[in-house]
């Protein structure tokens, strides 16, 4: 589970960094949507692992 969380965080961060670096609006929007999907997956894994625990701050 921790390995999945670390990998999802890494991928989410990579998407956000790539979105910040691109000059194409369509590409930026797509990368930010994927990053948001990773964030949701991270929250779902944390909730499932913690028995309903919700993070107070999103880790980047």
N, C-alpha and C. Protein backbone atom coordinates (compact mmCIF):
# COMPACT_ATOMS: atom_id res chain seq x y z
N UNK A 1 0.83 -1.19 0.00
CA UNK A 1 0.00 0.00 0.00
C UNK A 1 0.87 1.25 0.00
N UNK A 2 1.87 1.31 0.87
CA UNK A 2 2.75 2.48 0.91
C UNK A 2 3.48 2.68 -0.40
N UNK A 3 3.86 1.57 -1.02
CA UNK A 3 4.54 1.66 -2.30
C UNK A 3 3.62 2.28 -3.36
N UNK A 4 2.35 1.86 -3.36
CA UNK A 4 1.39 2.44 -4.29
C UNK A 4 1.21 3.94 -4.04
N UNK A 5 1.10 4.32 -2.78
CA UNK A 5 0.94 5.73 -2.44
C UNK A 5 2.14 6.55 -2.92
N UNK A 6 3.33 6.06 -2.67
CA UNK A 6 4.54 6.77 -3.10
C UNK A 6 4.58 6.91 -4.61
N UNK A 7 4.23 5.83 -5.32
CA UNK A 7 4.25 5.87 -6.78
C UNK A 7 3.19 6.83 -7.32
N UNK A 8 1.99 6.80 -6.76
CA UNK A 8 0.94 7.72 -7.19
C UNK A 8 1.33 9.16 -6.91
N UNK A 9 1.94 9.42 -5.76
CA UNK A 9 2.41 10.78 -5.46
C UNK A 9 3.47 11.23 -6.45
N UNK A 10 4.39 10.31 -6.78
CA UNK A 10 5.45 10.64 -7.74
C UNK A 10 4.85 10.97 -9.11
N UNK A 11 3.92 10.15 -9.55
CA UNK A 11 3.29 10.37 -10.85
C UNK A 11 2.46 11.65 -10.86
N UNK A 12 1.76 11.91 -9.77
CA UNK A 12 0.97 13.14 -9.68
C UNK A 12 1.88 14.37 -9.76
N UNK A 13 2.98 14.31 -9.04
CA UNK A 13 3.94 15.42 -9.05
C UNK A 13 4.54 15.60 -10.44
N UNK A 14 4.87 14.48 -11.11
CA UNK A 14 5.44 14.55 -12.46
C UNK A 14 4.45 15.18 -13.44
N UNK A 15 3.19 14.84 -13.31
CA UNK A 15 2.17 15.44 -14.19
C UNK A 15 2.06 16.94 -13.95
N UNK A 16 2.06 17.35 -12.69
CA UNK A 16 1.97 18.79 -12.38
C UNK A 16 3.21 19.54 -12.88
N UNK A 17 4.38 18.95 -12.71
CA UNK A 17 5.61 19.59 -13.18
C UNK A 17 5.61 19.70 -14.71
N UNK A 18 5.16 18.65 -15.38
CA UNK A 18 5.10 18.68 -16.84
C UNK A 18 4.08 19.72 -17.32
N UNK A 19 2.96 19.81 -16.61
CA UNK A 19 1.93 20.80 -16.96
C UNK A 19 2.48 22.21 -16.82
N UNK A 20 3.28 22.44 -15.79
CA UNK A 20 3.85 23.76 -15.58
C UNK A 20 4.88 24.11 -16.66
N UNK A 21 5.51 23.10 -17.22
CA UNK A 21 6.58 23.34 -18.19
C UNK A 21 6.09 23.45 -19.63
N UNK A 22 4.88 23.00 -19.91
CA UNK A 22 4.41 22.99 -21.29
C UNK A 22 3.84 24.35 -21.71
N UNK A 23 3.94 24.61 -22.99
CA UNK A 23 3.39 25.87 -23.50
C UNK A 23 2.06 25.64 -24.21
N UNK A 24 1.67 24.39 -24.36
CA UNK A 24 0.42 24.06 -25.05
C UNK A 24 -0.71 23.93 -24.03
N UNK A 25 -1.74 24.74 -24.18
CA UNK A 25 -2.85 24.76 -23.23
C UNK A 25 -3.57 23.41 -23.14
N UNK A 26 -3.81 22.77 -24.27
CA UNK A 26 -4.51 21.49 -24.28
C UNK A 26 -3.70 20.43 -23.54
N UNK A 27 -2.41 20.41 -23.75
CA UNK A 27 -1.53 19.46 -23.05
C UNK A 27 -1.54 19.74 -21.55
N UNK A 28 -1.47 21.01 -21.17
CA UNK A 28 -1.49 21.39 -19.76
C UNK A 28 -2.78 20.93 -19.09
N UNK A 29 -3.90 21.17 -19.74
CA UNK A 29 -5.19 20.76 -19.17
C UNK A 29 -5.27 19.25 -19.00
N UNK A 30 -4.78 18.51 -19.99
CA UNK A 30 -4.79 17.05 -19.90
C UNK A 30 -3.92 16.54 -18.76
N UNK A 31 -2.73 17.10 -18.63
CA UNK A 31 -1.83 16.69 -17.55
C UNK A 31 -2.41 17.02 -16.18
N UNK A 32 -3.07 18.16 -16.05
CA UNK A 32 -3.67 18.53 -14.77
C UNK A 32 -4.85 17.62 -14.43
N UNK A 33 -5.58 17.18 -15.44
CA UNK A 33 -6.68 16.23 -15.20
C UNK A 33 -6.13 14.89 -14.71
N UNK A 34 -5.06 14.43 -15.32
CA UNK A 34 -4.44 13.17 -14.89
C UNK A 34 -3.90 13.32 -13.47
N UNK A 35 -3.28 14.45 -13.18
CA UNK A 35 -2.76 14.70 -11.83
C UNK A 35 -3.90 14.68 -10.81
N UNK A 36 -5.04 15.25 -11.17
CA UNK A 36 -6.20 15.25 -10.28
C UNK A 36 -6.71 13.83 -10.06
N UNK A 37 -6.69 13.00 -11.09
CA UNK A 37 -7.09 11.60 -10.94
C UNK A 37 -6.15 10.87 -9.97
N UNK A 38 -4.87 11.15 -10.07
CA UNK A 38 -3.92 10.55 -9.13
C UNK A 38 -4.19 11.02 -7.71
N UNK A 39 -4.50 12.30 -7.54
CA UNK A 39 -4.81 12.82 -6.21
C UNK A 39 -6.02 12.10 -5.62
N UNK A 40 -7.04 11.89 -6.43
CA UNK A 40 -8.24 11.18 -5.96
C UNK A 40 -7.91 9.74 -5.59
N UNK A 41 -7.06 9.10 -6.39
CA UNK A 41 -6.65 7.72 -6.09
C UNK A 41 -5.87 7.67 -4.77
N UNK A 42 -5.01 8.67 -4.55
CA UNK A 42 -4.25 8.73 -3.31
C UNK A 42 -5.19 8.87 -2.12
N UNK A 43 -6.16 9.75 -2.23
CA UNK A 43 -7.12 9.95 -1.14
C UNK A 43 -7.92 8.68 -0.88
N UNK A 44 -8.32 7.98 -1.95
CA UNK A 44 -9.09 6.75 -1.80
C UNK A 44 -8.25 5.67 -1.10
N UNK A 45 -6.99 5.55 -1.48
CA UNK A 45 -6.12 4.57 -0.84
C UNK A 45 -5.90 4.90 0.63
N UNK A 46 -5.69 6.17 0.92
CA UNK A 46 -5.50 6.58 2.31
C UNK A 46 -6.75 6.30 3.15
N UNK A 47 -7.91 6.60 2.58
CA UNK A 47 -9.16 6.38 3.30
C UNK A 47 -9.36 4.90 3.56
N UNK A 48 -9.12 4.08 2.54
CA UNK A 48 -9.28 2.64 2.69
C UNK A 48 -8.29 2.08 3.71
N UNK A 49 -7.05 2.55 3.67
CA UNK A 49 -6.02 2.05 4.57
C UNK A 49 -6.22 2.54 6.00
N UNK A 50 -6.75 3.75 6.15
CA UNK A 50 -6.87 4.33 7.47
C UNK A 50 -8.23 4.19 8.10
N UNK A 51 -9.11 3.45 7.49
CA UNK A 51 -10.44 3.27 8.07
C UNK A 51 -11.23 4.56 8.13
N UNK A 52 -11.15 5.36 7.07
CA UNK A 52 -11.92 6.60 7.01
C UNK A 52 -11.10 7.83 7.30
N UNK A 53 -9.82 7.64 7.52
CA UNK A 53 -8.95 8.79 7.79
C UNK A 53 -8.84 9.67 6.56
N UNK A 54 -8.98 10.95 6.74
CA UNK A 54 -8.80 11.89 5.65
C UNK A 54 -7.62 12.79 5.97
N UNK A 55 -6.78 13.04 4.99
CA UNK A 55 -5.59 13.87 5.23
C UNK A 55 -5.97 15.32 5.49
N UNK A 56 -5.21 15.99 6.35
CA UNK A 56 -5.46 17.40 6.62
C UNK A 56 -4.77 18.28 5.59
N UNK A 57 -3.72 17.77 4.97
CA UNK A 57 -2.98 18.54 3.97
C UNK A 57 -2.56 17.57 2.88
N UNK A 58 -2.75 17.98 1.65
CA UNK A 58 -2.33 17.14 0.53
C UNK A 58 -0.83 17.23 0.39
N UNK A 59 -0.17 16.09 0.32
CA UNK A 59 1.27 16.05 0.20
C UNK A 59 1.67 16.11 -1.25
N UNK A 60 2.63 16.95 -1.56
CA UNK A 60 3.12 17.05 -2.94
C UNK A 60 4.54 16.59 -3.02
